[in-house]
Amino acid sequence: MNDKLIFSDGKTLYVTLESKVRNWVKWFLISINICLYSLPILLISITSKTNNPSVKIGAILFSVAIFWILTRPTLWNIFGRESVIITKENLSYYRDFGLYKTTIQNTKIKYGISVFIENELAYEDEPYIVITFCELSLDDEYNEILTTSIKTPEENFEVIKEHLNEIFEISQNNYEFSPN
């Protein structure tokens, strides 16, 4: 369902989750995009002799709508990659859609980070989860920073917790949080 790269140098935790979709699904999604983008191109080529700007504007708006409604999720399913970088002071993340990346979002960490399993599902009899990263506050409340978009095998949650405990110098006492 996904490939992952989880690495820590003792001070920084790097988590990269990649969307993995079967090849036939990728080709199907690419084919749909090609067919839909050929419609505005065909429309422009047919009406190019009339020099009617409203048809060209309509074709451009149709192309933009195709991009926002269909191509963005398609790019995510084909090339999607989510990167999270955690230090004692900061949590940063961005999403890579293959053709473009979102801007890096940075969140200062004041008191610590907590990680939770958001939801679970089974894929080929293996449990997959969505992970939520929260910031701790003084009054023991959790402020959600990020919920992963890519489901990952359950053992990755344990690896992330171990690395967070190492970064925040917490003994292996089954804490579900890493105080700063």
N, C-alpha and C. Protein backbone atom coordinates (compact mmCIF):
# COMPACT_ATOMS: atom_id res chain seq x y z
N MET A 1 0.83 -1.19 0.00
CA MET A 1 0.00 0.00 0.00
C MET A 1 0.87 1.25 0.00
N ASN A 2 2.03 1.22 0.68
CA ASN A 2 2.95 2.34 0.58
C ASN A 2 4.36 1.88 0.89
N ASP A 3 5.32 2.66 0.47
CA ASP A 3 6.69 2.47 0.88
C ASP A 3 6.99 3.55 1.88
N LYS A 4 7.96 3.29 2.73
CA LYS A 4 8.25 4.27 3.77
C LYS A 4 9.74 4.38 3.97
N LEU A 5 10.12 5.51 4.48
CA LEU A 5 11.48 5.74 4.89
C LEU A 5 11.39 6.45 6.23
N ILE A 6 11.83 5.77 7.26
CA ILE A 6 11.83 6.36 8.60
C ILE A 6 13.26 6.29 9.09
N PHE A 7 13.82 7.46 9.39
CA PHE A 7 15.22 7.54 9.77
C PHE A 7 15.39 8.59 10.85
N SER A 8 16.27 8.31 11.80
CA SER A 8 16.58 9.28 12.84
C SER A 8 18.09 9.30 13.06
N ASP A 9 18.63 10.50 13.24
CA ASP A 9 20.04 10.62 13.58
C ASP A 9 20.23 10.90 15.07
N GLY A 10 19.18 10.73 15.85
CA GLY A 10 19.22 10.98 17.29
C GLY A 10 18.75 12.37 17.67
N LYS A 11 18.77 13.30 16.73
CA LYS A 11 18.32 14.67 16.98
C LYS A 11 17.14 15.06 16.09
N THR A 12 17.03 14.41 14.95
CA THR A 12 15.98 14.72 13.99
C THR A 12 15.37 13.40 13.49
N LEU A 13 14.04 13.39 13.39
CA LEU A 13 13.33 12.25 12.86
C LEU A 13 12.80 12.62 11.48
N TYR A 14 13.10 11.79 10.50
CA TYR A 14 12.64 11.98 9.13
C TYR A 14 11.66 10.85 8.82
N VAL A 15 10.44 11.20 8.46
CA VAL A 15 9.43 10.21 8.09
C VAL A 15 8.95 10.57 6.69
N THR A 16 9.12 9.65 5.76
CA THR A 16 8.63 9.83 4.40
C THR A 16 7.75 8.65 4.05
N LEU A 17 6.52 8.93 3.71
CA LEU A 17 5.57 7.91 3.30
C LEU A 17 5.22 8.13 1.84
N GLU A 18 5.27 7.07 1.05
CA GLU A 18 4.97 7.18 -0.38
C GLU A 18 3.75 6.35 -0.72
N SER A 19 2.89 6.92 -1.53
CA SER A 19 1.71 6.21 -2.01
C SER A 19 2.15 5.20 -3.06
N LYS A 20 1.71 3.98 -2.88
CA LYS A 20 2.00 2.93 -3.86
C LYS A 20 0.69 2.36 -4.36
N VAL A 21 0.47 2.52 -5.64
CA VAL A 21 -0.74 2.05 -6.28
C VAL A 21 -0.31 1.06 -7.36
N ARG A 22 -1.13 0.07 -7.59
CA ARG A 22 -0.80 -0.93 -8.62
C ARG A 22 -0.66 -0.26 -9.98
N ASN A 23 0.19 -0.85 -10.82
CA ASN A 23 0.49 -0.26 -12.12
C ASN A 23 -0.74 -0.11 -13.01
N TRP A 24 -1.63 -1.09 -13.01
CA TRP A 24 -2.81 -1.00 -13.86
C TRP A 24 -3.70 0.16 -13.43
N VAL A 25 -3.73 0.47 -12.13
CA VAL A 25 -4.52 1.61 -11.64
C VAL A 25 -3.87 2.92 -12.11
N LYS A 26 -2.54 2.99 -12.05
CA LYS A 26 -1.84 4.19 -12.52
C LYS A 26 -2.14 4.45 -14.00
N TRP A 27 -2.04 3.41 -14.82
CA TRP A 27 -2.29 3.57 -16.25
C TRP A 27 -3.73 3.95 -16.53
N PHE A 28 -4.64 3.40 -15.76
CA PHE A 28 -6.05 3.77 -15.92
C PHE A 28 -6.26 5.25 -15.61
N LEU A 29 -5.68 5.73 -14.51
CA LEU A 29 -5.81 7.13 -14.13
C LEU A 29 -5.17 8.06 -15.16
N ILE A 30 -4.02 7.66 -15.67
CA ILE A 30 -3.35 8.46 -16.70
C ILE A 30 -4.19 8.50 -17.97
N SER A 31 -4.78 7.38 -18.35
CA SER A 31 -5.62 7.32 -19.55
C SER A 31 -6.84 8.23 -19.43
N ILE A 32 -7.48 8.22 -18.27
CA ILE A 32 -8.63 9.10 -18.05
C ILE A 32 -8.22 10.56 -18.21
N ASN A 33 -7.07 10.92 -17.62
CA ASN A 33 -6.60 12.30 -17.74
C ASN A 33 -6.33 12.68 -19.19
N ILE A 34 -5.70 11.80 -19.93
CA ILE A 34 -5.40 12.09 -21.34
C ILE A 34 -6.69 12.29 -22.13
N CYS A 35 -7.67 11.42 -21.91
CA CYS A 35 -8.94 11.56 -22.61
C CYS A 35 -9.64 12.88 -22.27
N LEU A 36 -9.65 13.23 -20.99
CA LEU A 36 -10.34 14.46 -20.61
C LEU A 36 -9.61 15.71 -21.10
N TYR A 37 -8.27 15.70 -21.09
CA TYR A 37 -7.53 16.87 -21.58
C TYR A 37 -7.61 16.98 -23.10
N SER A 38 -7.89 15.87 -23.78
CA SER A 38 -8.01 15.95 -25.24
C SER A 38 -9.29 16.67 -25.66
N LEU A 39 -10.31 16.67 -24.80
CA LEU A 39 -11.56 17.37 -25.14
C LEU A 39 -11.36 18.87 -25.33
N PRO A 40 -10.73 19.59 -24.38
CA PRO A 40 -10.54 21.03 -24.64
C PRO A 40 -9.60 21.31 -25.80
N ILE A 41 -8.61 20.44 -26.02
CA ILE A 41 -7.70 20.64 -27.15
C ILE A 41 -8.47 20.47 -28.46
N LEU A 42 -9.32 19.45 -28.50
CA LEU A 42 -10.15 19.24 -29.68
C LEU A 42 -11.09 20.42 -29.90
N LEU A 43 -11.69 20.92 -28.84
CA LEU A 43 -12.60 22.06 -28.93
C LEU A 43 -11.88 23.30 -29.47
N ILE A 44 -10.69 23.55 -28.97
CA ILE A 44 -9.92 24.72 -29.44
C ILE A 44 -9.53 24.54 -30.90
N SER A 45 -9.12 23.34 -31.29
CA SER A 45 -8.69 23.14 -32.68
C SER A 45 -9.87 23.25 -33.66
N ILE A 46 -11.04 22.80 -33.24
CA ILE A 46 -12.21 22.88 -34.11
C ILE A 46 -12.66 24.34 -34.27
N THR A 47 -12.62 25.09 -33.20
CA THR A 47 -13.12 26.48 -33.23
C THR A 47 -12.03 27.51 -33.48
N SER A 48 -10.81 27.08 -33.79
CA SER A 48 -9.72 28.04 -33.97
C SER A 48 -9.94 28.94 -35.19
N LYS A 49 -10.69 28.47 -36.17
CA LYS A 49 -10.93 29.28 -37.37
C LYS A 49 -11.95 30.39 -37.13
N THR A 50 -12.77 30.24 -36.10
CA THR A 50 -13.80 31.25 -35.84
C THR A 50 -13.27 32.41 -35.00
N ASN A 51 -12.17 32.24 -34.36
CA ASN A 51 -11.58 33.27 -33.49
C ASN A 51 -12.55 33.76 -32.42
N ASN A 52 -13.33 32.88 -31.90
CA ASN A 52 -14.27 33.20 -30.83
C ASN A 52 -13.55 33.04 -29.48
N PRO A 53 -13.24 34.14 -28.79
CA PRO A 53 -12.49 34.04 -27.54
C PRO A 53 -13.26 33.34 -26.42
N SER A 54 -14.58 33.37 -26.46
CA SER A 54 -15.34 32.73 -25.38
C SER A 54 -15.16 31.22 -25.40
N VAL A 55 -14.99 30.63 -26.58
CA VAL A 55 -14.77 29.18 -26.67
C VAL A 55 -13.40 28.84 -26.08
N LYS A 56 -12.40 29.66 -26.38
CA LYS A 56 -11.05 29.42 -25.85
C LYS A 56 -11.03 29.59 -24.33
N ILE A 57 -11.70 30.60 -23.84
CA ILE A 57 -11.78 30.80 -22.39
C ILE A 57 -12.51 29.64 -21.73
N GLY A 58 -13.59 29.17 -22.36
CA GLY A 58 -14.32 28.02 -21.84
C GLY A 58 -13.45 26.77 -21.80
N ALA A 59 -12.65 26.56 -22.84
CA ALA A 59 -11.76 25.39 -22.88
C ALA A 59 -10.69 25.49 -21.79
N ILE A 60 -10.18 26.68 -21.58
CA ILE A 60 -9.18 26.87 -20.52
C ILE A 60 -9.80 26.64 -19.15
N LEU A 61 -10.98 27.17 -18.93
CA LEU A 61 -11.67 26.94 -17.64
C LEU A 61 -12.00 25.46 -17.44
N PHE A 62 -12.38 24.78 -18.51
CA PHE A 62 -12.64 23.34 -18.42
C PHE A 62 -11.36 22.59 -18.05
N SER A 63 -10.23 23.00 -18.64
CA SER A 63 -8.94 22.36 -18.31
C SER A 63 -8.57 22.59 -16.85
N VAL A 64 -8.79 23.80 -16.35
CA VAL A 64 -8.50 24.10 -14.94
C VAL A 64 -9.40 23.26 -14.04
N ALA A 65 -10.67 23.13 -14.40
CA ALA A 65 -11.58 22.29 -13.61
C ALA A 65 -11.14 20.84 -13.60
N ILE A 66 -10.69 20.34 -14.75
CA ILE A 66 -10.19 18.96 -14.82
C ILE A 66 -9.00 18.81 -13.87
N PHE A 67 -8.10 19.80 -13.89
CA PHE A 67 -6.93 19.72 -13.02
C PHE A 67 -7.34 19.65 -11.56
N TRP A 68 -8.20 20.56 -11.11
CA TRP A 68 -8.56 20.61 -9.69
C TRP A 68 -9.40 19.42 -9.25
N ILE A 69 -10.27 18.94 -10.11
CA ILE A 69 -11.17 17.86 -9.72
C ILE A 69 -10.55 16.48 -9.91
N LEU A 70 -9.81 16.29 -11.00
CA LEU A 70 -9.34 14.94 -11.32
C LEU A 70 -7.82 14.78 -11.25
N THR A 71 -7.09 15.70 -11.83
CA THR A 71 -5.64 15.51 -11.95
C THR A 71 -4.93 15.57 -10.60
N ARG A 72 -5.32 16.49 -9.73
CA ARG A 72 -4.65 16.56 -8.42
C ARG A 72 -4.74 15.25 -7.66
N PRO A 73 -5.94 14.65 -7.48
CA PRO A 73 -5.98 13.36 -6.79
C PRO A 73 -5.25 12.26 -7.56
N THR A 74 -5.27 12.35 -8.89
CA THR A 74 -4.55 11.37 -9.69
C THR A 74 -3.05 11.46 -9.43
N LEU A 75 -2.52 12.67 -9.44
CA LEU A 75 -1.10 12.85 -9.15
C LEU A 75 -0.75 12.32 -7.77
N TRP A 76 -1.64 12.54 -6.79
CA TRP A 76 -1.39 12.05 -5.45
C TRP A 76 -1.33 10.52 -5.43
N ASN A 77 -2.25 9.87 -6.14
CA ASN A 77 -2.26 8.41 -6.15
C ASN A 77 -1.08 7.82 -6.91
N ILE A 78 -0.56 8.53 -7.89
CA ILE A 78 0.55 8.01 -8.67
C ILE A 78 1.89 8.37 -8.04
N PHE A 79 2.08 9.63 -7.66
CA PHE A 79 3.39 10.09 -7.20
C PHE A 79 3.41 10.52 -5.73
N GLY A 80 2.30 10.46 -5.02
CA GLY A 80 2.18 11.06 -3.70
C GLY A 80 3.26 10.67 -2.70
N ARG A 81 3.80 11.67 -2.05
CA ARG A 81 4.81 11.46 -1.02
C ARG A 81 4.58 12.50 0.08
N GLU A 82 4.62 12.04 1.30
CA GLU A 82 4.41 12.92 2.45
C GLU A 82 5.67 12.85 3.31
N SER A 83 6.25 14.00 3.62
CA SER A 83 7.47 14.06 4.41
C SER A 83 7.23 14.84 5.69
N VAL A 84 7.67 14.25 6.81
CA VAL A 84 7.55 14.88 8.12
C VAL A 84 8.95 14.90 8.73
N ILE A 85 9.34 16.06 9.25
CA ILE A 85 10.65 16.21 9.88
C ILE A 85 10.41 16.77 11.28
N ILE A 86 10.91 16.04 12.29
CA ILE A 86 10.66 16.43 13.69
C ILE A 86 11.98 16.60 14.42
N THR A 87 12.11 17.75 15.08
CA THR A 87 13.21 17.99 16.03
C THR A 87 12.57 18.33 17.36
N LYS A 88 13.40 18.59 18.37
CA LYS A 88 12.85 18.98 19.68
C LYS A 88 12.09 20.30 19.61
N GLU A 89 12.46 21.16 18.69
CA GLU A 89 11.88 22.50 18.61
C GLU A 89 10.82 22.67 17.53
N ASN A 90 10.76 21.76 16.54
CA ASN A 90 9.97 22.05 15.35
C ASN A 90 9.43 20.77 14.71
N LEU A 91 8.24 20.84 14.16
CA LEU A 91 7.69 19.80 13.29
C LEU A 91 7.41 20.46 11.95
N SER A 92 7.99 19.90 10.89
CA SER A 92 7.80 20.42 9.53
C SER A 92 7.26 19.30 8.66
N TYR A 93 6.41 19.67 7.71
CA TYR A 93 5.91 18.67 6.78
C TYR A 93 5.53 19.32 5.46
N TYR A 94 5.55 18.51 4.43
CA TYR A 94 5.07 18.93 3.12
C TYR A 94 4.61 17.70 2.35
N ARG A 95 3.85 17.94 1.31
CA ARG A 95 3.35 16.87 0.45
C ARG A 95 3.87 17.11 -0.97
N ASP A 96 4.33 16.04 -1.59
CA ASP A 96 4.88 16.09 -2.93
C ASP A 96 3.93 15.34 -3.87
N PHE A 97 3.41 16.06 -4.88
CA PHE A 97 2.46 15.48 -5.83
C PHE A 97 3.14 15.05 -7.13
N GLY A 98 4.45 15.01 -7.17
CA GLY A 98 5.16 14.63 -8.38
C GLY A 98 5.49 15.82 -9.24
N LEU A 99 4.48 16.55 -9.71
CA LEU A 99 4.72 17.72 -10.54
C LEU A 99 4.88 18.99 -9.71
N TYR A 100 4.39 18.98 -8.50
CA TYR A 100 4.53 20.13 -7.62
C TYR A 100 4.51 19.67 -6.16
N LYS A 101 5.03 20.53 -5.30
CA LYS A 101 5.05 20.27 -3.85
C LYS A 101 4.30 21.37 -3.14
N THR A 102 3.70 21.01 -2.01
CA THR A 102 3.10 22.04 -1.18
C THR A 102 4.22 22.78 -0.44
N THR A 103 3.92 23.95 0.06
CA THR A 103 4.92 24.67 0.82
C THR A 103 5.16 23.95 2.15
N ILE A 104 6.35 24.08 2.67
CA ILE A 104 6.69 23.45 3.93
C ILE A 104 5.96 24.16 5.06
N GLN A 105 5.24 23.40 5.85
CA GLN A 105 4.52 23.93 7.01
C GLN A 105 5.37 23.66 8.25
N ASN A 106 5.67 24.69 9.00
CA ASN A 106 6.48 24.57 10.22
C ASN A 106 5.62 24.88 11.43
N THR A 107 5.76 24.06 12.46
CA THR A 107 5.07 24.28 13.72
C THR A 107 6.09 24.20 14.84
N LYS A 108 6.16 25.26 15.64
CA LYS A 108 7.05 25.26 16.80
C LYS A 108 6.49 24.32 17.87
N ILE A 109 7.38 23.60 18.51
CA ILE A 109 6.99 22.68 19.57
C ILE A 109 7.43 23.29 20.90
N LYS A 110 6.47 23.51 21.78
CA LYS A 110 6.79 24.12 23.07
C LYS A 110 7.00 23.08 24.16
N TYR A 111 6.09 22.10 24.24
CA TYR A 111 6.12 21.18 25.37
C TYR A 111 6.34 19.73 24.99
N GLY A 112 6.11 19.36 23.77
CA GLY A 112 6.32 17.98 23.34
C GLY A 112 5.37 17.57 22.25
N ILE A 113 5.57 16.35 21.76
CA ILE A 113 4.75 15.81 20.69
C ILE A 113 4.12 14.51 21.14
N SER A 114 2.89 14.32 20.75
CA SER A 114 2.18 13.08 20.99
C SER A 114 1.80 12.48 19.64
N VAL A 115 1.87 11.16 19.53
CA VAL A 115 1.45 10.49 18.31
C VAL A 115 0.34 9.51 18.64
N PHE A 116 -0.67 9.48 17.80
CA PHE A 116 -1.82 8.60 17.99
C PHE A 116 -2.12 7.87 16.69
N ILE A 117 -2.77 6.73 16.84
CA ILE A 117 -3.31 6.05 15.68
C ILE A 117 -4.70 6.63 15.44
N GLU A 118 -4.89 7.24 14.28
CA GLU A 118 -6.16 7.90 13.98
C GLU A 118 -7.24 6.89 13.59
N ASN A 119 -6.93 6.05 12.62
CA ASN A 119 -7.87 4.98 12.25
C ASN A 119 -7.11 3.83 11.62
N GLU A 120 -7.76 2.69 11.56
CA GLU A 120 -7.12 1.48 11.05
C GLU A 120 -7.95 0.87 9.94
N LEU A 121 -7.26 0.16 9.08
CA LEU A 121 -7.93 -0.65 8.09
C LEU A 121 -7.03 -1.84 7.77
N ALA A 122 -7.58 -2.86 7.19
CA ALA A 122 -6.78 -4.02 6.82
C ALA A 122 -6.66 -4.06 5.30
N TYR A 123 -5.45 -4.31 4.83
CA TYR A 123 -5.18 -4.43 3.41
C TYR A 123 -4.38 -5.71 3.22
N GLU A 124 -4.96 -6.66 2.53
CA GLU A 124 -4.34 -7.97 2.35
C GLU A 124 -3.95 -8.57 3.70
N ASP A 125 -4.86 -8.52 4.65
CA ASP A 125 -4.72 -9.07 6.00
C ASP A 125 -3.60 -8.43 6.81
N GLU A 126 -3.14 -7.27 6.42
CA GLU A 126 -2.14 -6.54 7.19
C GLU A 126 -2.75 -5.23 7.66
N PRO A 127 -2.64 -4.91 8.96
CA PRO A 127 -3.25 -3.67 9.43
C PRO A 127 -2.48 -2.43 8.96
N TYR A 128 -3.23 -1.46 8.46
CA TYR A 128 -2.68 -0.17 8.05
C TYR A 128 -3.35 0.90 8.87
N ILE A 129 -2.59 1.95 9.16
CA ILE A 129 -3.09 2.99 10.06
C ILE A 129 -2.83 4.38 9.48
N VAL A 130 -3.52 5.35 10.04
CA VAL A 130 -3.27 6.77 9.81
C VAL A 130 -2.75 7.32 11.12
N ILE A 131 -1.66 8.08 11.07
CA ILE A 131 -1.01 8.59 12.28
C ILE A 131 -1.31 10.08 12.42
N THR A 132 -1.60 10.48 13.66
CA THR A 132 -1.82 11.89 13.97
C THR A 132 -0.72 12.36 14.91
N PHE A 133 -0.13 13.50 14.58
CA PHE A 133 0.87 14.14 15.43
C PHE A 133 0.21 15.32 16.13
N CYS A 134 0.33 15.38 17.45
CA CYS A 134 -0.27 16.46 18.24
C CYS A 134 0.80 17.10 19.10
N GLU A 135 0.58 18.38 19.40
CA GLU A 135 1.46 19.09 20.32
C GLU A 135 0.81 19.08 21.70
N LEU A 136 1.64 18.83 22.71
CA LEU A 136 1.15 18.87 24.08
C LEU A 136 1.11 20.31 24.57
N SER A 137 0.21 20.60 25.50
CA SER A 137 0.15 21.92 26.10
C SER A 137 0.27 21.78 27.61
N LEU A 138 0.39 22.89 28.31
CA LEU A 138 0.56 22.86 29.76
C LEU A 138 -0.65 22.26 30.48
N ASP A 139 -1.84 22.45 29.94
CA ASP A 139 -3.05 21.94 30.60
C ASP A 139 -3.45 20.56 30.06
N ASP A 140 -2.46 19.77 29.63
CA ASP A 140 -2.65 18.39 29.16
C ASP A 140 -3.66 18.26 28.04
N GLU A 141 -3.76 19.26 27.20
CA GLU A 141 -4.58 19.17 26.01
C GLU A 141 -3.68 18.91 24.81
N TYR A 142 -4.27 18.34 23.78
CA TYR A 142 -3.53 18.02 22.57
C TYR A 142 -4.03 18.90 21.44
N ASN A 143 -3.11 19.57 20.77
CA ASN A 143 -3.44 20.37 19.59
C ASN A 143 -2.92 19.64 18.36
N GLU A 144 -3.84 19.22 17.50
CA GLU A 144 -3.45 18.45 16.33
C GLU A 144 -2.61 19.31 15.39
N ILE A 145 -1.47 18.76 14.98
CA ILE A 145 -0.59 19.43 14.03
C ILE A 145 -0.77 18.83 12.64
N LEU A 146 -0.78 17.49 12.57
CA LEU A 146 -0.80 16.82 11.27
C LEU A 146 -1.41 15.44 11.40
N THR A 147 -2.24 15.07 10.46
CA THR A 147 -2.70 13.70 10.30
C THR A 147 -2.20 13.24 8.94
N THR A 148 -1.50 12.12 8.91
CA THR A 148 -0.94 11.64 7.65
C THR A 148 -2.06 11.32 6.65
N SER A 149 -1.79 11.57 5.40
CA SER A 149 -2.74 11.27 4.34
C SER A 149 -2.54 9.87 3.79
N ILE A 150 -1.37 9.34 4.01
CA ILE A 150 -1.01 8.02 3.48
C ILE A 150 -1.05 7.01 4.62
N LYS A 151 -1.77 5.95 4.39
CA LYS A 151 -1.85 4.88 5.39
C LYS A 151 -0.55 4.09 5.37
N THR A 152 -0.12 3.66 6.54
CA THR A 152 1.16 2.98 6.68
C THR A 152 0.99 1.73 7.54
N PRO A 153 1.84 0.74 7.40
CA PRO A 153 1.74 -0.44 8.26
C PRO A 153 1.88 -0.07 9.74
N GLU A 154 1.23 -0.83 10.57
CA GLU A 154 1.17 -0.53 12.00
C GLU A 154 2.55 -0.52 12.67
N GLU A 155 3.47 -1.36 12.20
CA GLU A 155 4.80 -1.39 12.83
C GLU A 155 5.55 -0.08 12.65
N ASN A 156 5.20 0.72 11.63
CA ASN A 156 5.85 2.03 11.46
C ASN A 156 5.52 2.97 12.61
N PHE A 157 4.32 2.83 13.19
CA PHE A 157 3.94 3.64 14.34
C PHE A 157 4.88 3.39 15.50
N GLU A 158 5.20 2.13 15.75
CA GLU A 158 6.12 1.78 16.84
C GLU A 158 7.51 2.32 16.58
N VAL A 159 7.96 2.26 15.33
CA VAL A 159 9.29 2.79 14.98
C VAL A 159 9.32 4.30 15.19
N ILE A 160 8.27 4.98 14.79
CA ILE A 160 8.20 6.44 14.98
C ILE A 160 8.22 6.78 16.46
N LYS A 161 7.44 6.04 17.27
CA LYS A 161 7.43 6.28 18.71
C LYS A 161 8.81 6.07 19.33
N GLU A 162 9.50 5.01 18.92
CA GLU A 162 10.84 4.74 19.44
C GLU A 162 11.80 5.89 19.11
N HIS A 163 11.76 6.35 17.87
CA HIS A 163 12.65 7.45 17.48
C HIS A 163 12.29 8.74 18.21
N LEU A 164 11.01 9.02 18.40
CA LEU A 164 10.61 10.21 19.15
C LEU A 164 11.10 10.13 20.60
N ASN A 165 10.98 8.95 21.20
CA ASN A 165 11.48 8.77 22.57
C ASN A 165 12.99 8.98 22.63
N GLU A 166 13.70 8.56 21.60
CA GLU A 166 15.15 8.77 21.54
C GLU A 166 15.47 10.25 21.42
N ILE A 167 14.75 10.96 20.55
CA ILE A 167 15.01 12.39 20.35
C ILE A 167 14.72 13.18 21.62
N PHE A 168 13.60 12.87 22.28
CA PHE A 168 13.21 13.60 23.47
C PHE A 168 13.75 12.98 24.75
N GLU A 169 14.64 11.98 24.59
CA GLU A 169 15.34 11.34 25.71
C GLU A 169 14.39 10.77 26.75
N ILE A 170 13.41 9.99 26.27
CA ILE A 170 12.44 9.33 27.14
C ILE A 170 12.81 7.86 27.22
N SER A 171 12.77 7.29 28.42
CA SER A 171 13.04 5.87 28.54
C SER A 171 11.90 5.08 27.91
N GLN A 172 12.14 3.85 27.57
CA GLN A 172 11.16 3.02 26.87
C GLN A 172 10.06 2.56 27.83
N ASN A 173 9.21 3.46 28.28
CA ASN A 173 8.16 3.15 29.24
C ASN A 173 6.78 3.17 28.62
N ASN A 174 6.63 2.83 27.36
CA ASN A 174 5.34 2.80 26.68
C ASN A 174 4.59 4.12 26.75
N TYR A 175 5.30 5.22 26.81
CA TYR A 175 4.64 6.52 26.76
C TYR A 175 4.10 6.73 25.36
N GLU A 176 2.92 7.31 25.28
CA GLU A 176 2.39 7.67 23.97
C GLU A 176 2.70 9.11 23.64
N PHE A 177 3.62 9.70 24.38
CA PHE A 177 3.97 11.08 24.11
C PHE A 177 5.46 11.25 24.34
N SER A 178 5.97 12.34 23.82
CA SER A 178 7.36 12.68 23.97
C SER A 178 7.45 14.12 24.46
N PRO A 179 7.55 14.31 25.79
CA PRO A 179 7.62 15.69 26.28
C PRO A 179 8.92 16.36 25.89
N ASN A 180 8.83 17.62 25.70
CA ASN A 180 10.00 18.40 25.31
C ASN A 180 10.61 19.03 26.55
